[in-house]
Amino acid sequence: MARRYSSPRDSKAKEGGSWGKVNPEDVFRKELVEALALLKPGEVSPLVVLEDYGYILRKDDQQDSRVLTFEEAAQYVEGRLKIERSETLYKEWVTRLRNEAYISILDLPE
């Protein structure tokens, strides 16, 4: 269904909507995390509608929490640090643009 009906902009459509093995709290909105928590592996959710988008979720597998080795955790830590750094740079850029902006509102002649 994801391959056929997903938005062409959806990067996961070609993989059938699969996100692979992820921690839902790190990737999805709170409402989708809650819907996934109600599912057992192999189950499919009813339609979840959020802001004019519909989601049908399927939990393929569930892995219980465990302590990761440094090698396993390194890629996740690096990815998270890159995301945080890019968010910081973006916020600084927007603030700089706002501080440098000049807006003049003129009344139109009657």
PDB file of N, CA and C in Angstrom:
ATOM      1  N   MET A   1       0.824  -1.195   0.000  1.00  0.00           N
ATOM      2  CA  MET A   1       0.000   0.000   0.000  1.00  0.00           C
ATOM      3  C   MET A   1       0.862   1.251   0.000  1.00  0.00           C
ATOM      4  N   ALA A   2       1.952   1.225   0.778  1.00  0.00           N
ATOM      5  CA  ALA A   2       2.803   2.413   0.862  1.00  0.00           C
ATOM      6  C   ALA A   2       3.430   2.726  -0.489  1.00  0.00           C
ATOM      7  N   ARG A   3       3.864   1.703  -1.204  1.00  0.00           N
ATOM      8  CA  ARG A   3       4.471   1.943  -2.520  1.00  0.00           C
ATOM      9  C   ARG A   3       3.471   2.594  -3.468  1.00  0.00           C
ATOM     10  N   ARG A   4       2.235   2.180  -3.376  1.00  0.00           N
ATOM     11  CA  ARG A   4       1.224   2.654  -4.326  1.00  0.00           C
ATOM     12  C   ARG A   4       0.591   3.978  -3.927  1.00  0.00           C
ATOM     13  N   TYR A   5       0.300   4.167  -2.632  1.00  0.00           N
ATOM     14  CA  TYR A   5      -0.506   5.304  -2.215  1.00  0.00           C
ATOM     15  C   TYR A   5       0.249   6.415  -1.499  1.00  0.00           C
ATOM     16  N   SER A   6       1.492   6.197  -1.135  1.00  0.00           N
ATOM     17  CA  SER A   6       2.233   7.240  -0.420  1.00  0.00           C
ATOM     18  C   SER A   6       2.523   8.421  -1.331  1.00  0.00           C
ATOM     19  N   SER A   7       2.716   9.550  -0.701  1.00  0.00           N
ATOM     20  CA  SER A   7       3.107  10.755  -1.423  1.00  0.00           C
ATOM     21  C   SER A   7       4.422  10.502  -2.147  1.00  0.00           C
ATOM     22  N   PRO A   8       4.578  11.051  -3.362  1.00  0.00           N
ATOM     23  CA  PRO A   8       5.864  10.892  -4.072  1.00  0.00           C
ATOM     24  C   PRO A   8       7.037  11.471  -3.280  1.00  0.00           C
ATOM     25  N   ARG A   9       6.762  12.400  -2.366  1.00  0.00           N
ATOM     26  CA  ARG A   9       7.824  12.997  -1.544  1.00  0.00           C
ATOM     27  C   ARG A   9       8.216  12.106  -0.373  1.00  0.00           C
ATOM     28  N   ASP A  10       7.449  11.042  -0.135  1.00  0.00           N
ATOM     29  CA  ASP A  10       7.731  10.158   0.997  1.00  0.00           C
ATOM     30  C   ASP A  10       8.945   9.298   0.677  1.00  0.00           C
ATOM     31  N   SER A  11      10.039   9.525   1.390  1.00  0.00           N
ATOM     32  CA  SER A  11      11.278   8.807   1.118  1.00  0.00           C
ATOM     33  C   SER A  11      11.193   7.327   1.460  1.00  0.00           C
ATOM     34  N   LYS A  12      10.216   6.919   2.246  1.00  0.00           N
ATOM     35  CA  LYS A  12      10.100   5.517   2.653  1.00  0.00           C
ATOM     36  C   LYS A  12       9.127   4.726   1.777  1.00  0.00           C
ATOM     37  N   ALA A  13       8.468   5.380   0.840  1.00  0.00           N
ATOM     38  CA  ALA A  13       7.462   4.707   0.010  1.00  0.00           C
ATOM     39  C   ALA A  13       8.066   3.567  -0.797  1.00  0.00           C
ATOM     40  N   LYS A  14       9.252   3.783  -1.344  1.00  0.00           N
ATOM     41  CA  LYS A  14       9.887   2.752  -2.179  1.00  0.00           C
ATOM     42  C   LYS A  14      10.213   1.492  -1.384  1.00  0.00           C
ATOM     43  N   GLU A  15      10.428   1.636  -0.082  1.00  0.00           N
ATOM     44  CA  GLU A  15      10.705   0.481   0.777  1.00  0.00           C
ATOM     45  C   GLU A  15       9.424  -0.094   1.368  1.00  0.00           C
ATOM     46  N   GLY A  16       8.291   0.276   0.798  1.00  0.00           N
ATOM     47  CA  GLY A  16       7.022  -0.211   1.314  1.00  0.00           C
ATOM     48  C   GLY A  16       6.636   0.434   2.627  1.00  0.00           C
ATOM     49  N   GLY A  17       7.212   1.619   2.889  1.00  0.00           N
ATOM     50  CA  GLY A  17       6.908   2.331   4.121  1.00  0.00           C
ATOM     51  C   GLY A  17       7.740   1.894   5.306  1.00  0.00           C
ATOM     52  N   SER A  18       8.627   0.948   5.101  1.00  0.00           N
ATOM     53  CA  SER A  18       9.423   0.413   6.212  1.00  0.00           C
ATOM     54  C   SER A  18      10.479   1.411   6.668  1.00  0.00           C
ATOM     55  N   TRP A  19      10.562   1.590   7.976  1.00  0.00           N
ATOM     56  CA  TRP A  19      11.580   2.439   8.586  1.00  0.00           C
ATOM     57  C   TRP A  19      12.727   1.604   9.123  1.00  0.00           C
ATOM     58  N   GLY A  20      12.633   0.291   9.006  1.00  0.00           N
ATOM     59  CA  GLY A  20      13.673  -0.568   9.551  1.00  0.00           C
ATOM     60  C   GLY A  20      13.593  -0.591  11.062  1.00  0.00           C
ATOM     61  N   LYS A  21      14.700  -0.920  11.695  1.00  0.00           N
ATOM     62  CA  LYS A  21      14.732  -0.977  13.156  1.00  0.00           C
ATOM     63  C   LYS A  21      15.076   0.400  13.693  1.00  0.00           C
ATOM     64  N   VAL A  22      14.096   1.017  14.342  1.00  0.00           N
ATOM     65  CA  VAL A  22      14.279   2.345  14.932  1.00  0.00           C
ATOM     66  C   VAL A  22      13.627   2.381  16.297  1.00  0.00           C
ATOM     67  N   ASN A  23      14.041   3.335  17.100  1.00  0.00           N
ATOM     68  CA  ASN A  23      13.357   3.609  18.354  1.00  0.00           C
ATOM     69  C   ASN A  23      12.244   4.591  18.002  1.00  0.00           C
ATOM     70  N   PRO A  24      10.982   4.195  18.107  1.00  0.00           N
ATOM     71  CA  PRO A  24       9.878   5.062  17.686  1.00  0.00           C
ATOM     72  C   PRO A  24       9.908   6.454  18.307  1.00  0.00           C
ATOM     73  N   GLU A  25      10.328   6.563  19.575  1.00  0.00           N
ATOM     74  CA  GLU A  25      10.363   7.868  20.241  1.00  0.00           C
ATOM     75  C   GLU A  25      11.362   8.819  19.586  1.00  0.00           C
ATOM     76  N   ASP A  26      12.370   8.270  18.931  1.00  0.00           N
ATOM     77  CA  ASP A  26      13.377   9.098  18.271  1.00  0.00           C
ATOM     78  C   ASP A  26      12.948   9.558  16.884  1.00  0.00           C
ATOM     79  N   VAL A  27      11.935   8.908  16.311  1.00  0.00           N
ATOM     80  CA  VAL A  27      11.621   9.127  14.909  1.00  0.00           C
ATOM     81  C   VAL A  27      10.216   9.690  14.672  1.00  0.00           C
ATOM     82  N   PHE A  28       9.232   9.204  15.417  1.00  0.00           N
ATOM     83  CA  PHE A  28       7.838   9.507  15.104  1.00  0.00           C
ATOM     84  C   PHE A  28       7.208  10.483  16.087  1.00  0.00           C
ATOM     85  N   ARG A  29       6.113  11.070  15.635  1.00  0.00           N
ATOM     86  CA  ARG A  29       5.325  11.953  16.494  1.00  0.00           C
ATOM     87  C   ARG A  29       4.714  11.152  17.632  1.00  0.00           C
ATOM     88  N   LYS A  30       4.394  11.876  18.702  1.00  0.00           N
ATOM     89  CA  LYS A  30       3.857  11.247  19.916  1.00  0.00           C
ATOM     90  C   LYS A  30       2.623  10.396  19.610  1.00  0.00           C
ATOM     91  N   GLU A  31       1.733  10.870  18.763  1.00  0.00           N
ATOM     92  CA  GLU A  31       0.501  10.143  18.458  1.00  0.00           C
ATOM     93  C   GLU A  31       0.794   8.810  17.766  1.00  0.00           C
ATOM     94  N   LEU A  32       1.796   8.796  16.902  1.00  0.00           N
ATOM     95  CA  LEU A  32       2.147   7.555  16.214  1.00  0.00           C
ATOM     96  C   LEU A  32       2.859   6.588  17.152  1.00  0.00           C
ATOM     97  N   VAL A  33       3.674   7.115  18.045  1.00  0.00           N
ATOM     98  CA  VAL A  33       4.348   6.275  19.044  1.00  0.00           C
ATOM     99  C   VAL A  33       3.298   5.595  19.921  1.00  0.00           C
ATOM    100  N   GLU A  34       2.283   6.352  20.323  1.00  0.00           N
ATOM    101  CA  GLU A  34       1.218   5.789  21.158  1.00  0.00           C
ATOM    102  C   GLU A  34       0.454   4.701  20.413  1.00  0.00           C
ATOM    103  N   ALA A  35       0.175   4.922  19.126  1.00  0.00           N
ATOM    104  CA  ALA A  35      -0.539   3.919  18.330  1.00  0.00           C
ATOM    105  C   ALA A  35       0.315   2.659  18.165  1.00  0.00           C
ATOM    106  N   LEU A  36       1.619   2.834  17.955  1.00  0.00           N
ATOM    107  CA  LEU A  36       2.516   1.673  17.837  1.00  0.00           C
ATOM    108  C   LEU A  36       2.597   0.883  19.139  1.00  0.00           C
ATOM    109  N   ALA A  37       2.559   1.582  20.264  1.00  0.00           N
ATOM    110  CA  ALA A  37       2.660   0.919  21.566  1.00  0.00           C
ATOM    111  C   ALA A  37       1.488  -0.033  21.801  1.00  0.00           C
ATOM    112  N   LEU A  38       0.364   0.222  21.173  1.00  0.00           N
ATOM    113  CA  LEU A  38      -0.816  -0.629  21.342  1.00  0.00           C
ATOM    114  C   LEU A  38      -0.740  -1.906  20.508  1.00  0.00           C
ATOM    115  N   LEU A  39       0.202  -1.950  19.560  1.00  0.00           N
ATOM    116  CA  LEU A  39       0.294  -3.090  18.653  1.00  0.00           C
ATOM    117  C   LEU A  39       1.268  -4.147  19.154  1.00  0.00           C
ATOM    118  N   LYS A  40       0.957  -5.393  18.819  1.00  0.00           N
ATOM    119  CA  LYS A  40       1.885  -6.493  19.019  1.00  0.00           C
ATOM    120  C   LYS A  40       2.592  -6.728  17.687  1.00  0.00           C
ATOM    121  N   PRO A  41       3.781  -7.340  17.689  1.00  0.00           N
ATOM    122  CA  PRO A  41       4.454  -7.616  16.423  1.00  0.00           C
ATOM    123  C   PRO A  41       3.538  -8.368  15.447  1.00  0.00           C
ATOM    124  N   GLY A  42       3.503  -7.873  14.203  1.00  0.00           N
ATOM    125  CA  GLY A  42       2.660  -8.461  13.172  1.00  0.00           C
ATOM    126  C   GLY A  42       1.306  -7.800  13.035  1.00  0.00           C
ATOM    127  N   GLU A  43       0.888  -6.985  14.003  1.00  0.00           N
ATOM    128  CA  GLU A  43      -0.423  -6.337  13.948  1.00  0.00           C
ATOM    129  C   GLU A  43      -0.366  -5.037  13.149  1.00  0.00           C
ATOM    130  N   VAL A  44      -1.539  -4.649  12.635  1.00  0.00           N
ATOM    131  CA  VAL A  44      -1.695  -3.424  11.855  1.00  0.00           C
ATOM    132  C   VAL A  44      -2.685  -2.525  12.567  1.00  0.00           C
ATOM    133  N   SER A  45      -2.385  -1.239  12.604  1.00  0.00           N
ATOM    134  CA  SER A  45      -3.255  -0.280  13.296  1.00  0.00           C
ATOM    135  C   SER A  45      -4.427   0.117  12.417  1.00  0.00           C
ATOM    136  N   PRO A  46      -5.483   0.645  13.036  1.00  0.00           N
ATOM    137  CA  PRO A  46      -6.508   1.304  12.235  1.00  0.00           C
ATOM    138  C   PRO A  46      -5.914   2.610  11.685  1.00  0.00           C
ATOM    139  N   LEU A  47      -6.632   3.262  10.813  1.00  0.00           N
ATOM    140  CA  LEU A  47      -6.171   4.517  10.226  1.00  0.00           C
ATOM    141  C   LEU A  47      -5.986   5.575  11.310  1.00  0.00           C
ATOM    142  N   VAL A  48      -4.815   6.215  11.316  1.00  0.00           N
ATOM    143  CA  VAL A  48      -4.512   7.303  12.245  1.00  0.00           C
ATOM    144  C   VAL A  48      -4.423   8.566  11.393  1.00  0.00           C
ATOM    145  N   VAL A  49      -5.295   9.534  11.636  1.00  0.00           N
ATOM    146  CA  VAL A  49      -5.309  10.766  10.845  1.00  0.00           C
ATOM    147  C   VAL A  49      -4.725  11.901  11.678  1.00  0.00           C
ATOM    148  N   LEU A  50      -3.689  12.550  11.115  1.00  0.00           N
ATOM    149  CA  LEU A  50      -3.035  13.680  11.762  1.00  0.00           C
ATOM    150  C   LEU A  50      -2.840  14.780  10.721  1.00  0.00           C
ATOM    151  N   GLU A  51      -3.482  15.906  10.941  1.00  0.00           N
ATOM    152  CA  GLU A  51      -3.323  17.066  10.067  1.00  0.00           C
ATOM    153  C   GLU A  51      -3.484  16.712   8.591  1.00  0.00           C
ATOM    154  N   ASP A  52      -4.579  16.104   8.235  1.00  0.00           N
ATOM    155  CA  ASP A  52      -4.919  15.758   6.859  1.00  0.00           C
ATOM    156  C   ASP A  52      -4.045  14.667   6.243  1.00  0.00           C
ATOM    157  N   TYR A  53      -3.257  13.975   7.031  1.00  0.00           N
ATOM    158  CA  TYR A  53      -2.473  12.848   6.555  1.00  0.00           C
ATOM    159  C   TYR A  53      -2.965  11.599   7.267  1.00  0.00           C
ATOM    160  N   GLY A  54      -3.029  10.505   6.541  1.00  0.00           N
ATOM    161  CA  GLY A  54      -3.446   9.250   7.137  1.00  0.00           C
ATOM    162  C   GLY A  54      -2.283   8.291   7.262  1.00  0.00           C
ATOM    163  N   TYR A  55      -2.219   7.591   8.368  1.00  0.00           N
ATOM    164  CA  TYR A  55      -1.148   6.640   8.631  1.00  0.00           C
ATOM    165  C   TYR A  55      -1.754   5.302   9.013  1.00  0.00           C
ATOM    166  N   ILE A  56      -1.253   4.240   8.408  1.00  0.00           N
ATOM    167  CA  ILE A  56      -1.574   2.883   8.825  1.00  0.00           C
ATOM    168  C   ILE A  56      -0.245   2.286   9.255  1.00  0.00           C
ATOM    169  N   LEU A  57      -0.172   1.875  10.501  1.00  0.00           N
ATOM    170  CA  LEU A  57       1.079   1.404  11.078  1.00  0.00           C
ATOM    171  C   LEU A  57       1.086  -0.106  11.205  1.00  0.00           C
ATOM    172  N   ARG A  58       2.250  -0.686  10.982  1.00  0.00           N
ATOM    173  CA  ARG A  58       2.432  -2.117  11.202  1.00  0.00           C
ATOM    174  C   ARG A  58       3.714  -2.297  12.003  1.00  0.00           C
ATOM    175  N   LYS A  59       3.591  -3.020  13.093  1.00  0.00           N
ATOM    176  CA  LYS A  59       4.768  -3.317  13.909  1.00  0.00           C
ATOM    177  C   LYS A  59       5.301  -4.673  13.454  1.00  0.00           C
ATOM    178  N   ASP A  60       6.472  -4.642  12.825  1.00  0.00           N
ATOM    179  CA  ASP A  60       7.062  -5.879  12.328  1.00  0.00           C
ATOM    180  C   ASP A  60       7.742  -6.670  13.433  1.00  0.00           C
ATOM    181  N   ASP A  61       8.396  -5.955  14.334  1.00  0.00           N
ATOM    182  CA  ASP A  61       9.196  -6.621  15.348  1.00  0.00           C
ATOM    183  C   ASP A  61       9.304  -5.684  16.536  1.00  0.00           C
ATOM    184  N   GLN A  62       9.627  -6.223  17.650  1.00  0.00           N
ATOM    185  CA  GLN A  62       9.853  -5.404  18.843  1.00  0.00           C
ATOM    186  C   GLN A  62      11.051  -5.960  19.572  1.00  0.00           C
ATOM    187  N   GLN A  63      11.983  -5.077  19.852  1.00  0.00           N
ATOM    188  CA  GLN A  63      13.187  -5.494  20.565  1.00  0.00           C
ATOM    189  C   GLN A  63      13.182  -4.809  21.922  1.00  0.00           C
ATOM    190  N   ASP A  64      13.332  -5.585  22.955  1.00  0.00           N
ATOM    191  CA  ASP A  64      13.351  -5.009  24.290  1.00  0.00           C
ATOM    192  C   ASP A  64      14.632  -4.214  24.495  1.00  0.00           C
ATOM    193  N   SER A  65      14.571  -3.296  25.412  1.00  0.00           N
ATOM    194  CA  SER A  65      15.730  -2.455  25.708  1.00  0.00           C
ATOM    195  C   SER A  65      16.881  -3.297  26.225  1.00  0.00           C
ATOM    196  N   ARG A  66      18.078  -2.896  25.820  1.00  0.00           N
ATOM    197  CA  ARG A  66      19.284  -3.523  26.339  1.00  0.00           C
ATOM    198  C   ARG A  66      20.403  -2.506  26.233  1.00  0.00           C
ATOM    199  N   VAL A  67      21.442  -2.726  26.948  1.00  0.00           N
ATOM    200  CA  VAL A  67      22.599  -1.847  26.899  1.00  0.00           C
ATOM    201  C   VAL A  67      23.374  -2.156  25.624  1.00  0.00           C
ATOM    202  N   LEU A  68      23.656  -1.122  24.842  1.00  0.00           N
ATOM    203  CA  LEU A  68      24.401  -1.294  23.600  1.00  0.00           C
ATOM    204  C   LEU A  68      25.898  -1.231  23.864  1.00  0.00           C
ATOM    205  N   THR A  69      26.642  -1.907  23.025  1.00  0.00           N
ATOM    206  CA  THR A  69      28.088  -1.762  23.076  1.00  0.00           C
ATOM    207  C   THR A  69      28.439  -0.400  22.497  1.00  0.00           C
ATOM    208  N   PHE A  70      29.665   0.049  22.725  1.00  0.00           N
ATOM    209  CA  PHE A  70      30.090   1.338  22.188  1.00  0.00           C
ATOM    210  C   PHE A  70      29.962   1.350  20.664  1.00  0.00           C
ATOM    211  N   GLU A  71      30.379   0.277  20.028  1.00  0.00           N
ATOM    212  CA  GLU A  71      30.318   0.198  18.570  1.00  0.00           C
ATOM    213  C   GLU A  71      28.880   0.302  18.066  1.00  0.00           C
ATOM    214  N   GLU A  72      27.930  -0.330  18.757  1.00  0.00           N
ATOM    215  CA  GLU A  72      26.524  -0.268  18.361  1.00  0.00           C
ATOM    216  C   GLU A  72      25.949   1.125  18.590  1.00  0.00           C
ATOM    217  N   ALA A  73      26.319   1.743  19.685  1.00  0.00           N
ATOM    218  CA  ALA A  73      25.747   3.036  20.046  1.00  0.00           C
ATOM    219  C   ALA A  73      26.366   4.196  19.284  1.00  0.00           C
ATOM    220  N   ALA A  74      27.605   4.049  18.831  1.00  0.00           N
ATOM    221  CA  ALA A  74      28.337   5.162  18.216  1.00  0.00           C
ATOM    222  C   ALA A  74      27.581   5.776  17.041  1.00  0.00           C
ATOM    223  N   GLN A  75      27.009   4.959  16.160  1.00  0.00           N
ATOM    224  CA  GLN A  75      26.314   5.505  14.999  1.00  0.00           C
ATOM    225  C   GLN A  75      25.075   6.299  15.413  1.00  0.00           C
ATOM    226  N   TYR A  76      24.381   5.856  16.445  1.00  0.00           N
ATOM    227  CA  TYR A  76      23.196   6.573  16.910  1.00  0.00           C
ATOM    228  C   TYR A  76      23.578   7.892  17.585  1.00  0.00           C
ATOM    229  N   VAL A  77      24.628   7.857  18.367  1.00  0.00           N
ATOM    230  CA  VAL A  77      25.094   9.068  19.036  1.00  0.00           C
ATOM    231  C   VAL A  77      25.561  10.077  18.001  1.00  0.00           C
ATOM    232  N   GLU A  78      26.329   9.628  17.037  1.00  0.00           N
ATOM    233  CA  GLU A  78      26.824  10.519  15.988  1.00  0.00           C
ATOM    234  C   GLU A  78      25.664  11.132  15.202  1.00  0.00           C
ATOM    235  N   GLY A  79      24.694  10.325  14.848  1.00  0.00           N
ATOM    236  CA  GLY A  79      23.529  10.828  14.119  1.00  0.00           C
ATOM    237  C   GLY A  79      22.760  11.858  14.924  1.00  0.00           C
ATOM    238  N   ARG A  80      22.564  11.570  16.197  1.00  0.00           N
ATOM    239  CA  ARG A  80      21.831  12.499  17.065  1.00  0.00           C
ATOM    240  C   ARG A  80      22.591  13.817  17.226  1.00  0.00           C
ATOM    241  N   LEU A  81      23.909  13.735  17.387  1.00  0.00           N
ATOM    242  CA  LEU A  81      24.721  14.944  17.510  1.00  0.00           C
ATOM    243  C   LEU A  81      24.673  15.783  16.229  1.00  0.00           C
ATOM    244  N   LYS A  82      24.671  15.124  15.076  1.00  0.00           N
ATOM    245  CA  LYS A  82      24.571  15.861  13.807  1.00  0.00           C
ATOM    246  C   LYS A  82      23.228  16.578  13.699  1.00  0.00           C
ATOM    247  N   ILE A  83      22.170  15.909  14.099  1.00  0.00           N
ATOM    248  CA  ILE A  83      20.836  16.527  14.062  1.00  0.00           C
ATOM    249  C   ILE A  83      20.794  17.738  14.986  1.00  0.00           C
ATOM    250  N   GLU A  84      21.290  17.567  16.216  1.00  0.00           N
ATOM    251  CA  GLU A  84      21.275  18.681  17.174  1.00  0.00           C
ATOM    252  C   GLU A  84      22.118  19.846  16.679  1.00  0.00           C
ATOM    253  N   ARG A  85      23.261  19.551  16.092  1.00  0.00           N
ATOM    254  CA  ARG A  85      24.137  20.614  15.579  1.00  0.00           C
ATOM    255  C   ARG A  85      23.470  21.343  14.415  1.00  0.00           C
ATOM    256  N   SER A  86      22.832  20.611  13.518  1.00  0.00           N
ATOM    257  CA  SER A  86      22.174  21.258  12.382  1.00  0.00           C
ATOM    258  C   SER A  86      20.998  22.112  12.851  1.00  0.00           C
ATOM    259  N   GLU A  87      20.270  21.659  13.875  1.00  0.00           N
ATOM    260  CA  GLU A  87      19.175  22.463  14.424  1.00  0.00           C
ATOM    261  C   GLU A  87      19.709  23.749  15.048  1.00  0.00           C
ATOM    262  N   THR A  88      20.822  23.660  15.763  1.00  0.00           N
ATOM    263  CA  THR A  88      21.439  24.840  16.369  1.00  0.00           C
ATOM    264  C   THR A  88      21.892  25.820  15.299  1.00  0.00           C
ATOM    265  N   LEU A  89      22.555  25.322  14.264  1.00  0.00           N
ATOM    266  CA  LEU A  89      23.015  26.194  13.175  1.00  0.00           C
ATOM    267  C   LEU A  89      21.841  26.854  12.466  1.00  0.00           C
ATOM    268  N   TYR A  90      20.765  26.112  12.259  1.00  0.00           N
ATOM    269  CA  TYR A  90      19.574  26.662  11.601  1.00  0.00           C
ATOM    270  C   TYR A  90      18.967  27.784  12.441  1.00  0.00           C
ATOM    271  N   LYS A  91      18.824  27.548  13.740  1.00  0.00           N
ATOM    272  CA  LYS A  91      18.257  28.577  14.619  1.00  0.00           C
ATOM    273  C   LYS A  91      19.132  29.821  14.645  1.00  0.00           C
ATOM    274  N   GLU A  92      20.448  29.631  14.670  1.00  0.00           N
ATOM    275  CA  GLU A  92      21.362  30.782  14.644  1.00  0.00           C
ATOM    276  C   GLU A  92      21.226  31.550  13.331  1.00  0.00           C
ATOM    277  N   TRP A  93      21.101  30.840  12.226  1.00  0.00           N
ATOM    278  CA  TRP A  93      20.948  31.462  10.915  1.00  0.00           C
ATOM    279  C   TRP A  93      19.656  32.278  10.840  1.00  0.00           C
ATOM    280  N   VAL A  94      18.550  31.703  11.311  1.00  0.00           N
ATOM    281  CA  VAL A  94      17.259  32.412  11.294  1.00  0.00           C
ATOM    282  C   VAL A  94      17.331  33.651  12.183  1.00  0.00           C
ATOM    283  N   THR A  95      17.940  33.529  13.352  1.00  0.00           N
ATOM    284  CA  THR A  95      18.087  34.677  14.249  1.00  0.00           C
ATOM    285  C   THR A  95      18.918  35.767  13.582  1.00  0.00           C
ATOM    286  N   ARG A  96      20.002  35.383  12.923  1.00  0.00           N
ATOM    287  CA  ARG A  96      20.851  36.354  12.232  1.00  0.00           C
ATOM    288  C   ARG A  96      20.075  37.042  11.105  1.00  0.00           C
ATOM    289  N   LEU A  97      19.291  36.289  10.347  1.00  0.00           N
ATOM    290  CA  LEU A  97      18.475  36.881   9.284  1.00  0.00           C
ATOM    291  C   LEU A  97      17.468  37.877   9.847  1.00  0.00           C
ATOM    292  N   ARG A  98      16.840  37.522  10.946  1.00  0.00           N
ATOM    293  CA  ARG A  98      15.851  38.412  11.564  1.00  0.00           C
ATOM    294  C   ARG A  98      16.515  39.691  12.082  1.00  0.00           C
ATOM    295  N   ASN A  99      17.683  39.549  12.668  1.00  0.00           N
ATOM    296  CA  ASN A  99      18.382  40.720  13.197  1.00  0.00           C
ATOM    297  C   ASN A  99      18.860  41.648  12.089  1.00  0.00           C
ATOM    298  N   GLU A 100      19.180  41.105  10.937  1.00  0.00           N
ATOM    299  CA  GLU A 100      19.685  41.903   9.832  1.00  0.00           C
ATOM    300  C   GLU A 100      18.569  42.428   8.928  1.00  0.00           C
ATOM    301  N   ALA A 101      17.364  41.955   9.124  1.00  0.00           N
ATOM    302  CA  ALA A 101      16.257  42.348   8.248  1.00  0.00           C
ATOM    303  C   ALA A 101      15.811  43.783   8.539  1.00  0.00           C
ATOM    304  N   TYR A 102      15.419  44.461   7.482  1.00  0.00           N
ATOM    305  CA  TYR A 102      14.864  45.805   7.615  1.00  0.00           C
ATOM    306  C   TYR A 102      13.540  45.806   6.889  1.00  0.00           C
ATOM    307  N   ILE A 103      12.500  46.140   7.600  1.00  0.00           N
ATOM    308  CA  ILE A 103      11.164  46.174   7.017  1.00  0.00           C
ATOM    309  C   ILE A 103      10.583  47.552   7.211  1.00  0.00           C
ATOM    310  N   SER A 104      10.126  48.123   6.122  1.00  0.00           N
ATOM    311  CA  SER A 104       9.496  49.438   6.168  1.00  0.00           C
ATOM    312  C   SER A 104       8.091  49.314   5.604  1.00  0.00           C
ATOM    313  N   ILE A 105       7.113  49.754   6.362  1.00  0.00           N
ATOM    314  CA  ILE A 105       5.735  49.688   5.919  1.00  0.00           C
ATOM    315  C   ILE A 105       5.317  51.097   5.532  1.00  0.00           C
ATOM    316  N   LEU A 106       4.942  51.243   4.279  1.00  0.00           N
ATOM    317  CA  LEU A 106       4.541  52.543   3.759  1.00  0.00           C
ATOM    318  C   LEU A 106       3.052  52.552   3.484  1.00  0.00           C
ATOM    319  N   ASP A 107       2.419  53.665   3.766  1.00  0.00           N
ATOM    320  CA  ASP A 107       1.019  53.816   3.447  1.00  0.00           C
ATOM    321  C   ASP A 107       0.879  54.123   1.958  1.00  0.00           C
ATOM    322  N   LEU A 108      -0.102  53.506   1.326  1.00  0.00           N
ATOM    323  CA  LEU A 108      -0.356  53.766  -0.077  1.00  0.00           C
ATOM    324  C   LEU A 108      -1.066  55.099  -0.245  1.00  0.00           C
ATOM    325  N   PRO A 109      -0.730  55.840  -1.272  1.00  0.00           N
ATOM    326  CA  PRO A 109      -1.434  57.098  -1.504  1.00  0.00           C
ATOM    327  C   PRO A 109      -2.892  56.846  -1.872  1.00  0.00           C
ATOM    328  N   GLU A 110      -3.735  57.758  -1.450  1.00  0.00           N
ATOM    329  CA  GLU A 110      -5.168  57.581  -1.735  1.00  0.00           C
ATOM    330  C   GLU A 110      -5.551  58.141  -3.056  1.00  0.00           C
TER     331      GLU A 110
END
